[in-house]
Amino acid sequence: MSNTNVVVISGNLGADVESSATGGGTMVANIRIAVNKHSPDGQGGFNTKTSWVSVKSFGPIAERMIGKLSKGSKVIITGELEEEVWKDKQSGANRSKLVVIANSYESLSGAANANQNQGQFAQQNSQKQGRQNNGGQNNGYQQQPKSQQDQSRPAGY
């Protein structure tokens, strides 16, 4: 049995995109996304719990994030979980955290909202075609064509 590591989240950027580059010159973008969960408070209202998710992207995806996203931008991120491990400089203790490595993203802010209905229609058609091409066995998920997948992640990341 194989393992599956797929994450899809939506939320708002908590700060502007932080950018850097690897030693080989590949662009890296780091963002933190606020994901809100609303639950009834038992008195007719709602409680909101915000979880902060760290996201890292590389290459062309990072370059697009740097140029188009800013604090407050609403996005949908698709990627995979990865554990980052390091040694604390002060205490020497081992530390780790889970981050999402973005394979793709979609901005839901600004001009993207004007085309939201068209985007939903295109996505639904695309998913229908994917189910037809796979005999209905993809459980509603359609794999991106290789030409659209970002394979720019440098070795060691």
N, C-alpha and C. Protein backbone atom coordinates (compact mmCIF):
# COMPACT_ATOMS: atom_id res chain seq x y z
N MET A 1 0.85 -1.18 0.00
CA MET A 1 0.00 0.00 0.00
C MET A 1 0.89 1.24 0.00
N SER A 2 0.63 2.15 -0.91
CA SER A 2 1.43 3.36 -0.96
C SER A 2 0.83 4.44 -0.06
N ASN A 3 1.65 5.39 0.28
CA ASN A 3 1.22 6.52 1.11
C ASN A 3 0.82 7.68 0.21
N THR A 4 -0.08 8.50 0.70
CA THR A 4 -0.51 9.68 -0.03
C THR A 4 -0.18 10.91 0.80
N ASN A 5 0.41 11.90 0.17
CA ASN A 5 0.79 13.13 0.84
C ASN A 5 0.32 14.30 -0.01
N VAL A 6 -0.96 14.68 0.15
CA VAL A 6 -1.55 15.78 -0.60
C VAL A 6 -2.24 16.70 0.39
N VAL A 7 -1.99 18.01 0.24
CA VAL A 7 -2.60 19.01 1.10
C VAL A 7 -3.24 20.07 0.22
N VAL A 8 -4.48 20.44 0.54
CA VAL A 8 -5.15 21.55 -0.12
C VAL A 8 -5.68 22.44 1.00
N ILE A 9 -5.24 23.69 1.01
CA ILE A 9 -5.70 24.63 2.04
C ILE A 9 -6.07 25.95 1.38
N SER A 10 -6.96 26.68 2.03
CA SER A 10 -7.27 28.03 1.58
C SER A 10 -7.29 28.93 2.80
N GLY A 11 -6.89 30.16 2.58
CA GLY A 11 -6.86 31.13 3.66
C GLY A 11 -6.25 32.43 3.18
N ASN A 12 -5.87 33.27 4.13
CA ASN A 12 -5.31 34.58 3.83
C ASN A 12 -3.87 34.67 4.31
N LEU A 13 -3.03 35.34 3.52
CA LEU A 13 -1.64 35.57 3.93
C LEU A 13 -1.61 36.48 5.14
N GLY A 14 -0.82 36.11 6.14
CA GLY A 14 -0.70 36.89 7.35
C GLY A 14 0.33 38.00 7.25
N ALA A 15 1.18 37.94 6.24
CA ALA A 15 2.22 38.95 6.01
C ALA A 15 2.63 38.87 4.54
N ASP A 16 3.42 39.83 4.10
CA ASP A 16 3.92 39.79 2.73
C ASP A 16 4.81 38.56 2.54
N VAL A 17 4.98 38.16 1.29
CA VAL A 17 5.81 37.01 0.95
C VAL A 17 7.27 37.31 1.32
N GLU A 18 7.92 36.36 1.99
CA GLU A 18 9.35 36.46 2.28
C GLU A 18 10.08 35.70 1.19
N SER A 19 11.05 36.34 0.56
CA SER A 19 11.74 35.69 -0.54
C SER A 19 13.23 35.57 -0.26
N SER A 20 13.82 34.53 -0.86
CA SER A 20 15.26 34.30 -0.79
C SER A 20 15.64 33.46 -1.99
N ALA A 21 16.88 33.09 -2.07
CA ALA A 21 17.34 32.23 -3.17
C ALA A 21 18.27 31.17 -2.61
N THR A 22 18.28 30.02 -3.25
CA THR A 22 19.21 28.96 -2.87
C THR A 22 20.60 29.34 -3.38
N GLY A 23 21.61 28.58 -2.95
CA GLY A 23 22.97 28.81 -3.44
C GLY A 23 23.06 28.69 -4.95
N GLY A 24 22.18 27.88 -5.56
CA GLY A 24 22.17 27.70 -7.01
C GLY A 24 21.33 28.73 -7.73
N GLY A 25 20.73 29.67 -6.99
CA GLY A 25 19.96 30.75 -7.62
C GLY A 25 18.47 30.49 -7.77
N THR A 26 17.97 29.37 -7.27
CA THR A 26 16.53 29.09 -7.34
C THR A 26 15.80 29.96 -6.33
N MET A 27 14.75 30.64 -6.79
CA MET A 27 13.96 31.48 -5.90
C MET A 27 13.16 30.63 -4.92
N VAL A 28 13.05 31.12 -3.68
CA VAL A 28 12.29 30.47 -2.63
C VAL A 28 11.33 31.50 -2.05
N ALA A 29 10.07 31.14 -1.90
CA ALA A 29 9.08 32.03 -1.27
C ALA A 29 8.52 31.33 -0.04
N ASN A 30 8.44 32.06 1.06
CA ASN A 30 7.85 31.56 2.29
C ASN A 30 6.66 32.44 2.64
N ILE A 31 5.53 31.78 2.94
CA ILE A 31 4.34 32.51 3.37
C ILE A 31 3.72 31.78 4.55
N ARG A 32 2.91 32.52 5.31
CA ARG A 32 2.11 31.92 6.38
C ARG A 32 0.67 32.26 6.08
N ILE A 33 -0.16 31.22 6.12
CA ILE A 33 -1.57 31.37 5.77
C ILE A 33 -2.43 31.16 7.01
N ALA A 34 -3.35 32.09 7.23
CA ALA A 34 -4.33 31.96 8.31
C ALA A 34 -5.52 31.18 7.77
N VAL A 35 -5.79 30.02 8.40
CA VAL A 35 -6.91 29.18 8.02
C VAL A 35 -7.90 29.22 9.18
N ASN A 36 -9.10 29.72 8.92
CA ASN A 36 -10.10 29.89 9.97
C ASN A 36 -11.10 28.74 9.98
N LYS A 37 -11.43 28.29 11.19
CA LYS A 37 -12.48 27.28 11.38
C LYS A 37 -13.54 27.90 12.26
N HIS A 38 -14.78 27.85 11.80
CA HIS A 38 -15.90 28.42 12.55
C HIS A 38 -16.74 27.29 13.12
N SER A 39 -17.09 27.40 14.39
CA SER A 39 -17.93 26.38 15.02
C SER A 39 -18.98 27.08 15.89
N PRO A 40 -20.16 26.48 16.01
CA PRO A 40 -21.22 27.09 16.82
C PRO A 40 -20.79 27.23 18.28
N ASP A 41 -21.17 28.35 18.89
CA ASP A 41 -20.80 28.57 20.29
C ASP A 41 -21.90 28.13 21.26
N GLY A 42 -23.03 27.58 20.72
CA GLY A 42 -24.12 27.11 21.58
C GLY A 42 -25.09 28.21 21.96
N GLN A 43 -24.81 29.46 21.59
CA GLN A 43 -25.69 30.58 21.93
C GLN A 43 -26.14 31.32 20.68
N GLY A 44 -26.13 30.63 19.54
CA GLY A 44 -26.57 31.25 18.29
C GLY A 44 -25.47 31.96 17.52
N GLY A 45 -24.28 32.01 18.08
CA GLY A 45 -23.16 32.64 17.40
C GLY A 45 -22.11 31.61 17.00
N PHE A 46 -20.96 32.11 16.67
CA PHE A 46 -19.88 31.23 16.24
C PHE A 46 -18.57 31.60 16.92
N ASN A 47 -17.76 30.59 17.17
CA ASN A 47 -16.38 30.78 17.62
C ASN A 47 -15.48 30.57 16.41
N THR A 48 -14.42 31.35 16.33
CA THR A 48 -13.47 31.21 15.23
C THR A 48 -12.12 30.82 15.80
N LYS A 49 -11.56 29.75 15.24
CA LYS A 49 -10.21 29.31 15.62
C LYS A 49 -9.35 29.46 14.38
N THR A 50 -8.23 30.16 14.53
CA THR A 50 -7.31 30.38 13.42
C THR A 50 -6.09 29.51 13.59
N SER A 51 -5.77 28.75 12.56
CA SER A 51 -4.54 27.96 12.52
C SER A 51 -3.61 28.60 11.49
N TRP A 52 -2.32 28.68 11.82
CA TRP A 52 -1.34 29.27 10.92
C TRP A 52 -0.54 28.16 10.26
N VAL A 53 -0.51 28.18 8.94
CA VAL A 53 0.16 27.15 8.16
C VAL A 53 1.33 27.78 7.41
N SER A 54 2.53 27.22 7.59
CA SER A 54 3.71 27.68 6.86
C SER A 54 3.77 26.99 5.51
N VAL A 55 4.03 27.78 4.46
CA VAL A 55 4.09 27.27 3.09
C VAL A 55 5.39 27.74 2.46
N LYS A 56 6.04 26.83 1.74
CA LYS A 56 7.28 27.15 1.04
C LYS A 56 7.11 26.75 -0.42
N SER A 57 7.62 27.59 -1.32
CA SER A 57 7.57 27.26 -2.75
C SER A 57 8.92 27.58 -3.38
N PHE A 58 9.16 26.98 -4.54
CA PHE A 58 10.45 27.10 -5.22
C PHE A 58 10.25 27.45 -6.69
N GLY A 59 11.27 28.06 -7.29
CA GLY A 59 11.32 28.30 -8.74
C GLY A 59 10.21 29.19 -9.24
N PRO A 60 9.62 28.82 -10.39
CA PRO A 60 8.60 29.67 -11.00
C PRO A 60 7.40 29.95 -10.11
N ILE A 61 6.97 28.96 -9.31
CA ILE A 61 5.85 29.21 -8.40
C ILE A 61 6.24 30.28 -7.39
N ALA A 62 7.44 30.18 -6.84
CA ALA A 62 7.92 31.19 -5.88
C ALA A 62 7.97 32.57 -6.53
N GLU A 63 8.47 32.63 -7.75
CA GLU A 63 8.56 33.92 -8.45
C GLU A 63 7.19 34.54 -8.66
N ARG A 64 6.19 33.71 -9.01
CA ARG A 64 4.83 34.23 -9.19
C ARG A 64 4.24 34.69 -7.86
N MET A 65 4.49 33.93 -6.78
CA MET A 65 3.99 34.34 -5.47
C MET A 65 4.58 35.68 -5.06
N ILE A 66 5.89 35.83 -5.26
CA ILE A 66 6.58 37.06 -4.87
C ILE A 66 5.99 38.25 -5.61
N GLY A 67 5.67 38.07 -6.88
CA GLY A 67 5.17 39.18 -7.70
C GLY A 67 3.70 39.48 -7.52
N LYS A 68 2.91 38.52 -7.04
CA LYS A 68 1.45 38.70 -7.06
C LYS A 68 0.76 38.69 -5.70
N LEU A 69 1.39 38.14 -4.68
CA LEU A 69 0.72 38.01 -3.39
C LEU A 69 1.26 39.00 -2.38
N SER A 70 0.40 39.41 -1.46
CA SER A 70 0.80 40.30 -0.37
C SER A 70 -0.09 40.01 0.84
N LYS A 71 0.22 40.65 1.96
CA LYS A 71 -0.55 40.45 3.18
C LYS A 71 -2.04 40.61 2.90
N GLY A 72 -2.83 39.64 3.38
CA GLY A 72 -4.27 39.68 3.21
C GLY A 72 -4.78 38.95 1.97
N SER A 73 -3.87 38.62 1.02
CA SER A 73 -4.30 37.91 -0.19
C SER A 73 -4.97 36.59 0.18
N LYS A 74 -6.09 36.28 -0.48
CA LYS A 74 -6.76 35.00 -0.27
C LYS A 74 -6.24 34.04 -1.33
N VAL A 75 -5.81 32.85 -0.89
CA VAL A 75 -5.23 31.87 -1.81
C VAL A 75 -5.72 30.46 -1.50
N ILE A 76 -5.61 29.62 -2.51
CA ILE A 76 -5.75 28.17 -2.35
C ILE A 76 -4.40 27.59 -2.72
N ILE A 77 -3.85 26.77 -1.83
CA ILE A 77 -2.55 26.14 -2.04
C ILE A 77 -2.76 24.64 -2.16
N THR A 78 -2.10 24.03 -3.13
CA THR A 78 -2.05 22.58 -3.25
C THR A 78 -0.59 22.18 -3.13
N GLY A 79 -0.32 21.19 -2.29
CA GLY A 79 1.07 20.78 -2.11
C GLY A 79 1.17 19.51 -1.30
N GLU A 80 2.30 19.38 -0.62
CA GLU A 80 2.54 18.20 0.20
C GLU A 80 3.20 18.61 1.51
N LEU A 81 2.96 17.83 2.55
CA LEU A 81 3.57 18.08 3.85
C LEU A 81 5.01 17.60 3.87
N GLU A 82 5.85 18.36 4.53
CA GLU A 82 7.24 17.96 4.73
C GLU A 82 7.69 18.44 6.10
N GLU A 83 8.47 17.64 6.77
CA GLU A 83 9.00 18.01 8.07
C GLU A 83 10.35 18.69 7.90
N GLU A 84 10.47 19.89 8.45
CA GLU A 84 11.77 20.58 8.50
C GLU A 84 12.38 20.32 9.87
N VAL A 85 13.65 19.94 9.90
CA VAL A 85 14.34 19.62 11.15
C VAL A 85 15.59 20.48 11.23
N TRP A 86 15.85 21.06 12.43
CA TRP A 86 17.05 21.85 12.65
C TRP A 86 17.44 21.78 14.12
N LYS A 87 18.62 22.27 14.41
CA LYS A 87 19.12 22.31 15.78
C LYS A 87 19.04 23.76 16.26
N ASP A 88 18.40 23.98 17.40
CA ASP A 88 18.27 25.31 17.98
C ASP A 88 19.65 25.86 18.31
N LYS A 89 19.94 27.06 17.82
CA LYS A 89 21.28 27.65 18.00
C LYS A 89 21.58 27.96 19.46
N GLN A 90 20.56 28.36 20.23
CA GLN A 90 20.80 28.73 21.62
C GLN A 90 20.87 27.53 22.55
N SER A 91 19.90 26.64 22.42
CA SER A 91 19.84 25.51 23.36
C SER A 91 20.49 24.24 22.84
N GLY A 92 20.70 24.16 21.53
CA GLY A 92 21.24 22.94 20.94
C GLY A 92 20.22 21.83 20.79
N ALA A 93 18.96 22.10 21.18
CA ALA A 93 17.90 21.09 21.09
C ALA A 93 17.46 20.89 19.64
N ASN A 94 17.06 19.67 19.33
CA ASN A 94 16.51 19.39 18.01
C ASN A 94 15.11 19.98 17.91
N ARG A 95 14.81 20.63 16.81
CA ARG A 95 13.50 21.23 16.56
C ARG A 95 12.97 20.72 15.24
N SER A 96 11.65 20.77 15.08
CA SER A 96 11.05 20.40 13.81
C SER A 96 9.69 21.07 13.68
N LYS A 97 9.24 21.19 12.44
CA LYS A 97 7.89 21.68 12.17
C LYS A 97 7.46 21.15 10.81
N LEU A 98 6.16 21.03 10.63
CA LEU A 98 5.60 20.63 9.35
C LEU A 98 5.35 21.87 8.51
N VAL A 99 5.72 21.81 7.24
CA VAL A 99 5.44 22.88 6.29
C VAL A 99 4.79 22.27 5.07
N VAL A 100 4.04 23.08 4.35
CA VAL A 100 3.47 22.66 3.08
C VAL A 100 4.42 23.13 1.98
N ILE A 101 4.85 22.20 1.14
CA ILE A 101 5.64 22.54 -0.04
C ILE A 101 4.64 22.70 -1.18
N ALA A 102 4.49 23.93 -1.68
CA ALA A 102 3.46 24.23 -2.67
C ALA A 102 3.84 23.67 -4.04
N ASN A 103 2.89 22.95 -4.64
CA ASN A 103 3.02 22.49 -6.02
C ASN A 103 2.28 23.44 -6.96
N SER A 104 1.24 24.10 -6.42
CA SER A 104 0.50 25.09 -7.20
C SER A 104 -0.28 25.98 -6.23
N TYR A 105 -0.73 27.11 -6.75
CA TYR A 105 -1.57 27.99 -5.95
C TYR A 105 -2.49 28.76 -6.88
N GLU A 106 -3.57 29.26 -6.31
CA GLU A 106 -4.49 30.12 -7.04
C GLU A 106 -4.84 31.29 -6.15
N SER A 107 -4.69 32.49 -6.67
CA SER A 107 -5.07 33.69 -5.93
C SER A 107 -6.56 33.91 -6.08
N LEU A 108 -7.24 34.15 -4.96
CA LEU A 108 -8.67 34.43 -5.00
C LEU A 108 -8.94 35.90 -4.71
N SER A 109 -7.90 36.72 -4.72
CA SER A 109 -8.01 38.15 -4.45
C SER A 109 -8.03 38.93 -5.76
N GLY A 110 -8.59 40.12 -5.70
CA GLY A 110 -8.52 41.04 -6.83
C GLY A 110 -9.23 40.53 -8.06
N ALA A 111 -8.54 40.60 -9.21
CA ALA A 111 -9.12 40.25 -10.51
C ALA A 111 -9.58 38.81 -10.56
N ALA A 112 -8.99 37.95 -9.76
CA ALA A 112 -9.37 36.54 -9.79
C ALA A 112 -10.85 36.38 -9.41
N ASN A 113 -11.36 37.23 -8.52
CA ASN A 113 -12.76 37.12 -8.11
C ASN A 113 -13.71 37.44 -9.25
N ALA A 114 -13.32 38.33 -10.17
CA ALA A 114 -14.17 38.68 -11.29
C ALA A 114 -14.39 37.48 -12.20
N ASN A 115 -13.44 36.56 -12.25
CA ASN A 115 -13.55 35.39 -13.11
C ASN A 115 -13.86 34.13 -12.34
N GLN A 116 -14.31 34.25 -11.11
CA GLN A 116 -14.49 33.09 -10.24
C GLN A 116 -15.46 32.08 -10.85
N ASN A 117 -16.59 32.54 -11.39
CA ASN A 117 -17.56 31.60 -11.96
C ASN A 117 -16.97 30.86 -13.15
N GLN A 118 -16.22 31.57 -14.02
CA GLN A 118 -15.60 30.91 -15.15
C GLN A 118 -14.58 29.88 -14.67
N GLY A 119 -13.82 30.21 -13.65
CA GLY A 119 -12.82 29.29 -13.13
C GLY A 119 -13.45 28.05 -12.55
N GLN A 120 -14.58 28.21 -11.84
CA GLN A 120 -15.27 27.05 -11.29
C GLN A 120 -15.80 26.17 -12.39
N PHE A 121 -16.34 26.79 -13.46
CA PHE A 121 -16.87 26.02 -14.58
C PHE A 121 -15.75 25.23 -15.24
N ALA A 122 -14.61 25.88 -15.49
CA ALA A 122 -13.49 25.21 -16.13
C ALA A 122 -12.98 24.06 -15.26
N GLN A 123 -12.94 24.28 -13.95
CA GLN A 123 -12.47 23.22 -13.05
C GLN A 123 -13.43 22.04 -13.06
N GLN A 124 -14.75 22.31 -13.05
CA GLN A 124 -15.72 21.22 -13.07
C GLN A 124 -15.60 20.42 -14.36
N ASN A 125 -15.48 21.11 -15.52
CA ASN A 125 -15.32 20.40 -16.79
C ASN A 125 -14.05 19.58 -16.79
N SER A 126 -12.99 20.16 -16.27
CA SER A 126 -11.70 19.47 -16.23
C SER A 126 -11.80 18.21 -15.38
N GLN A 127 -12.48 18.30 -14.24
CA GLN A 127 -12.63 17.13 -13.36
C GLN A 127 -13.49 16.07 -14.03
N LYS A 128 -14.54 16.49 -14.75
CA LYS A 128 -15.38 15.51 -15.45
C LYS A 128 -14.56 14.77 -16.49
N GLN A 129 -13.74 15.52 -17.24
CA GLN A 129 -12.91 14.88 -18.26
C GLN A 129 -11.93 13.91 -17.61
N GLY A 130 -11.38 14.29 -16.47
CA GLY A 130 -10.42 13.43 -15.78
C GLY A 130 -11.08 12.14 -15.33
N ARG A 131 -12.33 12.23 -14.83
CA ARG A 131 -13.05 11.02 -14.41
C ARG A 131 -13.36 10.14 -15.61
N GLN A 132 -13.73 10.79 -16.74
CA GLN A 132 -14.03 10.00 -17.93
C GLN A 132 -12.77 9.31 -18.45
N ASN A 133 -11.64 10.01 -18.45
CA ASN A 133 -10.40 9.45 -18.97
C ASN A 133 -9.86 8.33 -18.09
N ASN A 134 -10.22 8.33 -16.82
CA ASN A 134 -9.74 7.30 -15.90
C ASN A 134 -10.83 6.31 -15.54
N GLY A 135 -11.89 6.26 -16.33
CA GLY A 135 -12.98 5.33 -16.05
C GLY A 135 -13.67 5.62 -14.74
N GLY A 136 -13.64 6.89 -14.29
CA GLY A 136 -14.31 7.27 -13.06
C GLY A 136 -13.57 6.84 -11.81
N GLN A 137 -12.32 6.47 -11.91
CA GLN A 137 -11.60 5.91 -10.77
C GLN A 137 -10.66 6.89 -10.08
N ASN A 138 -10.78 8.20 -10.32
CA ASN A 138 -9.85 9.13 -9.69
C ASN A 138 -10.43 9.82 -8.47
N ASN A 139 -11.58 9.39 -8.00
CA ASN A 139 -12.19 9.92 -6.78
C ASN A 139 -12.37 11.42 -6.80
N GLY A 140 -12.60 12.01 -7.96
CA GLY A 140 -12.84 13.45 -8.05
C GLY A 140 -11.58 14.28 -8.16
N TYR A 141 -10.42 13.66 -8.12
CA TYR A 141 -9.16 14.40 -8.24
C TYR A 141 -8.61 14.22 -9.63
N GLN A 142 -8.07 15.30 -10.18
CA GLN A 142 -7.45 15.20 -11.49
C GLN A 142 -6.00 15.59 -11.36
N GLN A 143 -5.13 14.73 -11.84
CA GLN A 143 -3.71 15.03 -11.78
C GLN A 143 -3.39 16.07 -12.83
N GLN A 144 -2.57 17.07 -12.44
CA GLN A 144 -2.15 18.09 -13.36
C GLN A 144 -1.27 17.48 -14.43
N PRO A 145 -1.42 17.94 -15.69
CA PRO A 145 -0.49 17.47 -16.71
C PRO A 145 0.93 17.82 -16.32
N LYS A 146 1.90 17.00 -16.71
CA LYS A 146 3.30 17.22 -16.33
C LYS A 146 3.78 18.60 -16.73
N SER A 147 3.26 19.15 -17.84
CA SER A 147 3.71 20.47 -18.28
C SER A 147 3.30 21.57 -17.32
N GLN A 148 2.25 21.33 -16.49
CA GLN A 148 1.80 22.35 -15.56
C GLN A 148 2.33 22.13 -14.15
N GLN A 149 2.94 20.99 -13.87
CA GLN A 149 3.47 20.73 -12.55
C GLN A 149 4.82 21.42 -12.42
N ASP A 150 5.09 21.97 -11.25
CA ASP A 150 6.37 22.63 -11.03
C ASP A 150 7.38 21.61 -10.52
N GLN A 151 8.38 21.34 -11.33
CA GLN A 151 9.42 20.38 -10.98
C GLN A 151 10.72 21.10 -10.64
N SER A 152 10.64 22.37 -10.21
CA SER A 152 11.84 23.19 -10.03
C SER A 152 12.45 23.10 -8.65
N ARG A 153 11.91 22.29 -7.79
CA ARG A 153 12.41 22.19 -6.42
C ARG A 153 13.84 21.64 -6.44
N PRO A 154 14.80 22.39 -5.87
CA PRO A 154 16.19 21.94 -5.92
C PRO A 154 16.41 20.72 -5.03
N ALA A 155 17.40 19.94 -5.37
CA ALA A 155 17.77 18.76 -4.56
C ALA A 155 18.12 19.21 -3.15
N GLY A 156 17.76 18.44 -2.17
CA GLY A 156 18.07 18.77 -0.79
C GLY A 156 16.99 19.57 -0.09
N TYR A 157 15.94 19.94 -0.82
CA TYR A 157 14.81 20.65 -0.21
C TYR A 157 13.61 19.78 -0.20
